[in-house]
Protein backbone atom coordinates (compact mmCIF):
# COMPACT_ATOMS: atom_id res chain seq x y z
CA MET A 1 33.16 -138.18 -52.06
CA GLY A 2 34.36 -141.25 -53.74
CA VAL A 3 35.81 -141.61 -57.35
CA SER A 4 32.49 -142.87 -58.85
CA GLU A 5 30.59 -140.03 -57.07
CA ASN A 6 32.91 -137.37 -58.35
CA TYR A 7 32.52 -138.89 -61.90
CA LYS A 8 28.84 -138.70 -61.78
CA THR A 9 28.78 -135.14 -60.37
CA ILE A 10 30.76 -133.96 -63.31
CA LEU A 11 28.93 -135.92 -65.69
CA GLN A 12 25.68 -134.50 -64.47
CA GLU A 13 27.20 -130.80 -64.81
CA LEU A 14 28.00 -131.72 -68.27
CA GLU A 15 24.70 -133.04 -69.08
CA SER A 16 22.95 -129.91 -67.68
CA LEU A 17 25.26 -127.51 -69.69
CA LYS A 18 25.07 -129.50 -72.91
CA PRO A 19 21.91 -131.76 -72.86
CA VAL A 20 22.42 -132.63 -76.59
CA GLY A 21 25.90 -134.05 -77.57
CA THR A 22 27.38 -134.25 -74.15
CA PRO A 23 30.97 -135.23 -74.58
CA THR A 24 32.59 -138.41 -73.64
CA LEU A 25 34.10 -138.04 -70.18
CA ILE A 26 37.39 -139.75 -69.79
CA ALA A 27 38.68 -140.56 -66.19
CA VAL A 28 42.31 -140.09 -66.43
CA SER A 29 43.85 -142.76 -63.98
CA LYS A 30 47.42 -142.09 -64.46
CA PHE A 31 49.57 -142.57 -61.23
CA GLN A 32 46.37 -143.65 -59.39
CA PRO A 33 46.38 -146.84 -57.57
CA LYS A 34 44.56 -149.95 -59.10
CA GLU A 35 42.05 -149.95 -56.11
CA LYS A 36 40.72 -146.65 -57.25
CA VAL A 37 40.26 -147.87 -60.88
CA GLN A 38 38.41 -150.81 -59.65
CA GLU A 39 36.14 -148.75 -57.32
CA ALA A 40 35.46 -146.57 -60.58
CA ILE A 41 34.58 -149.64 -62.56
CA SER A 42 32.26 -150.87 -59.97
CA GLY A 43 30.56 -147.48 -59.95
CA GLY A 44 29.84 -147.57 -63.73
CA VAL A 45 32.75 -145.67 -65.19
CA ILE A 46 33.66 -146.91 -68.50
CA HIS A 47 36.30 -144.70 -70.13
CA PHE A 48 39.62 -144.42 -68.66
CA GLY A 49 42.99 -142.64 -69.72
CA GLU A 50 46.59 -143.57 -69.04
CA ASN A 51 49.56 -141.61 -69.97
CA ARG A 52 52.03 -144.58 -69.86
CA VAL A 53 51.29 -147.56 -71.79
CA GLN A 54 52.85 -150.09 -69.50
CA GLU A 55 51.22 -148.56 -66.44
CA GLY A 56 47.91 -149.03 -68.16
CA ILE A 57 48.74 -152.75 -68.86
CA GLU A 58 49.62 -153.39 -65.34
CA LYS A 59 46.41 -152.01 -64.00
CA PHE A 60 43.82 -152.99 -66.60
CA SER A 61 44.93 -156.31 -68.04
CA ASP A 62 43.01 -158.35 -65.50
CA LEU A 63 40.14 -155.87 -64.79
CA GLY A 64 37.62 -157.28 -67.28
CA LYS A 65 37.28 -157.32 -71.07
CA PRO A 66 38.29 -154.28 -73.16
CA GLU A 67 35.32 -152.65 -74.94
CA LYS A 68 32.92 -154.31 -72.60
CA ASP A 69 33.99 -153.77 -69.01
CA PHE A 70 36.05 -150.68 -69.70
CA ILE A 71 37.41 -148.59 -72.70
CA LEU A 72 41.02 -147.57 -72.29
CA HIS A 73 42.66 -144.44 -73.91
CA HIS A 74 46.27 -143.96 -74.20
CA ILE A 75 46.39 -140.10 -73.80
CA GLY A 76 50.06 -139.46 -73.57
CA PRO A 77 52.60 -138.84 -76.68
CA VAL A 78 52.73 -142.03 -78.71
CA GLN A 79 56.19 -143.77 -78.97
CA SER A 80 56.82 -145.98 -81.79
CA SER A 81 58.52 -148.60 -79.20
CA HIS A 82 55.23 -148.96 -77.36
CA ILE A 83 52.83 -149.17 -80.22
CA ARG A 84 53.14 -153.04 -80.21
CA LYS A 85 51.72 -153.15 -76.78
CA TYR A 86 48.32 -151.36 -77.61
CA ALA A 87 46.72 -154.75 -79.30
CA GLY A 88 44.29 -156.35 -77.05
CA LEU A 89 43.87 -153.50 -74.51
CA TYR A 90 43.77 -149.86 -75.86
CA SER A 91 40.89 -148.59 -77.99
CA PHE A 92 41.90 -144.91 -78.43
CA VAL A 93 45.15 -143.18 -78.87
CA HIS A 94 45.11 -139.35 -78.41
CA GLY A 95 48.78 -138.39 -78.87
CA VAL A 96 49.83 -139.21 -82.46
CA GLY A 97 52.30 -136.32 -83.14
CA SER A 98 54.45 -137.30 -86.21
CA GLN A 99 54.29 -139.03 -89.49
CA LYS A 100 56.55 -141.71 -88.47
CA VAL A 101 54.45 -142.57 -85.43
CA LEU A 102 51.36 -142.54 -87.57
CA GLN A 103 52.90 -144.95 -90.25
CA GLU A 104 54.00 -147.29 -87.63
CA LEU A 105 50.53 -147.24 -85.73
CA LYS A 106 48.84 -148.10 -88.99
CA ARG A 107 51.39 -150.97 -89.90
CA ARG A 108 51.13 -152.43 -86.55
CA MET A 109 47.50 -152.33 -86.03
CA ASP A 110 46.82 -153.83 -89.61
CA GLN A 111 49.30 -156.35 -88.72
CA ASP A 112 47.74 -157.10 -85.38
CA ARG A 113 44.17 -156.78 -86.61
CA TRP A 114 43.27 -154.83 -83.64
CA LYS A 115 41.23 -151.69 -84.18
CA ILE A 116 42.38 -148.37 -82.84
CA ARG A 117 40.82 -145.02 -83.13
CA TYR A 118 43.46 -142.27 -82.99
CA PHE A 119 43.67 -138.40 -82.76
CA LEU A 120 46.21 -136.19 -84.35
CA GLN A 121 47.88 -134.25 -81.67
CA VAL A 122 48.18 -130.45 -82.66
CA ASN A 123 50.53 -128.07 -80.75
CA LEU A 124 48.78 -124.90 -81.22
CA THR A 125 50.71 -123.15 -78.31
CA GLU A 126 54.06 -123.89 -79.87
CA GLU A 127 55.52 -124.75 -76.43
CA ASP A 128 58.52 -127.01 -76.57
CA SER A 129 57.11 -129.00 -73.68
CA LYS A 130 54.26 -130.26 -75.62
CA SER A 131 54.33 -132.85 -78.42
CA GLY A 132 52.45 -132.73 -81.69
CA PHE A 133 52.06 -131.46 -85.29
CA SER A 134 52.27 -127.71 -85.76
CA LYS A 135 49.25 -126.29 -87.65
CA GLU A 136 51.10 -126.06 -90.95
CA GLU A 137 52.13 -129.77 -90.58
CA VAL A 138 48.60 -130.96 -89.74
CA LEU A 139 47.13 -129.17 -92.78
CA ALA A 140 49.66 -130.61 -95.17
CA LEU A 141 48.82 -134.03 -93.76
CA LEU A 142 45.20 -133.56 -94.41
CA GLN A 143 45.76 -132.83 -98.09
CA LYS A 144 46.03 -136.80 -98.21
CA LYS A 145 43.15 -137.41 -95.82
CA GLU A 146 42.24 -140.64 -97.58
CA THR A 147 45.57 -142.18 -96.50
CA LEU A 148 45.14 -141.38 -92.81
CA SER A 149 42.71 -144.36 -92.02
CA SER A 150 42.85 -147.95 -92.64
CA GLU A 151 40.72 -151.01 -91.61
CA PHE A 152 42.12 -151.28 -88.31
CA CYS A 153 43.44 -147.71 -87.67
CA VAL A 154 40.91 -145.00 -87.91
CA LEU A 155 41.50 -141.21 -87.68
CA GLU A 156 38.95 -140.01 -84.92
CA GLY A 157 39.89 -136.39 -84.93
CA PHE A 158 42.18 -133.75 -83.45
CA MET A 159 43.62 -133.38 -79.83
CA THR A 160 45.11 -130.30 -78.31
CA MET A 161 46.01 -128.86 -75.03
CA GLY A 162 45.70 -125.29 -73.76
CA PRO A 163 48.62 -123.14 -72.59
CA SER A 164 50.84 -124.26 -69.73
CA SER A 165 50.03 -120.94 -68.04
CA GLY A 166 46.39 -121.90 -67.72
CA ASP A 167 45.29 -118.47 -68.86
CA PRO A 168 41.54 -118.73 -69.52
CA GLU A 169 41.49 -116.24 -72.33
CA GLU A 170 44.58 -117.94 -74.16
CA THR A 171 43.05 -121.37 -73.49
CA ARG A 172 39.82 -120.27 -75.24
CA LYS A 173 41.71 -119.07 -78.12
CA VAL A 174 43.60 -122.44 -78.53
CA PHE A 175 40.29 -124.46 -78.45
CA GLN A 176 38.55 -122.09 -80.74
CA GLU A 177 41.29 -122.63 -83.24
CA ILE A 178 41.23 -126.33 -83.20
CA SER A 179 37.45 -126.19 -83.40
CA LYS A 180 37.80 -124.11 -86.59
CA LEU A 181 40.19 -126.42 -87.94
CA ARG A 182 37.95 -129.28 -87.46
CA LYS A 183 35.09 -127.43 -88.99
CA GLU A 184 36.87 -126.49 -92.01
CA PHE A 185 39.04 -129.63 -92.73
CA LEU A 186 37.73 -132.56 -90.90
CA PRO A 187 33.88 -131.87 -90.22
CA GLN A 188 33.04 -135.46 -89.29
CA GLY A 189 36.15 -135.50 -86.78
CA LYS A 190 36.02 -135.28 -83.04
CA LEU A 191 37.80 -133.05 -80.68
CA SER A 192 39.85 -134.32 -77.62
CA MET A 193 40.41 -131.25 -75.28
CA GLY A 194 39.81 -130.08 -71.77
CA MET A 195 41.16 -131.16 -68.58
CA SER A 196 40.39 -130.63 -64.88
CA GLY A 197 41.34 -127.03 -64.97
CA ASP A 198 39.76 -126.03 -68.32
CA TYR A 199 37.07 -128.64 -69.13
CA ARG A 200 34.30 -126.01 -69.00
CA ILE A 201 35.92 -123.83 -71.58
CA ALA A 202 36.50 -127.00 -73.75
CA LEU A 203 32.95 -127.95 -73.44
CA GLU A 204 31.79 -124.41 -74.69
CA GLU A 205 34.12 -124.69 -77.55
CA GLY A 206 32.76 -127.98 -78.89
CA SER A 207 34.95 -130.74 -77.27
CA ASP A 208 33.86 -134.43 -77.86
CA TYR A 209 36.22 -135.97 -75.30
CA LEU A 210 37.26 -134.46 -71.95
CA ARG A 211 40.32 -135.75 -70.21
CA ILE A 212 39.67 -135.24 -66.38
CA GLY A 213 41.94 -136.73 -63.57
CA THR A 214 42.29 -134.90 -60.45
CA ALA A 215 38.69 -133.59 -60.31
CA ILE A 216 37.61 -137.39 -60.31
CA PHE A 217 40.32 -139.30 -58.36
CA GLY A 218 41.79 -136.44 -56.29
CA GLU A 219 45.42 -135.76 -56.14
CA ARG A 220 47.76 -138.02 -57.64
CA THR A 221 50.03 -140.21 -55.17
């Protein structure tokens, strides 16, 4: 099947499993050729995810109007030096993992007057290979919740990743923990969790955004 057919098959599965409150399905196009992205847009896909800011710029800058023809998510760790590139193209940022990055994101988006919705990345597996706040750090940050959003930089919720092992039981524990964190401390917030290998678990545990690449686009080149 083609890219758009794969996308629709997964979306239909999600809608059948959760008819009410079906999560937003993000087609992760990192390392995929521009031709596949064009095929996906032509097939009705709206939400796309890129790990590398510059790669997203090279693919999407001439594919239409952001927020109208596509909605672009930066799903990789946020680096301060790349924040200046978001304006005009990216609508969501999923990997805000430090106070320094958050402060720069708010400063730059307010300066550029470009609206970004962002997620605080929480590293609940405590793996060195993963970025993000520890649970303790994010709880401390939430004590000043009113300072976390501005006119053009809005806190959307939490993002997390399951363990690198892919163990289903451990993955579920992580997703349950972030769901509990959201319920207790950010009840209006959204959750970004779940990828090709664990999106069904994420769906069961209340994810609002699923980041799926291989199951939609096939293996990366």
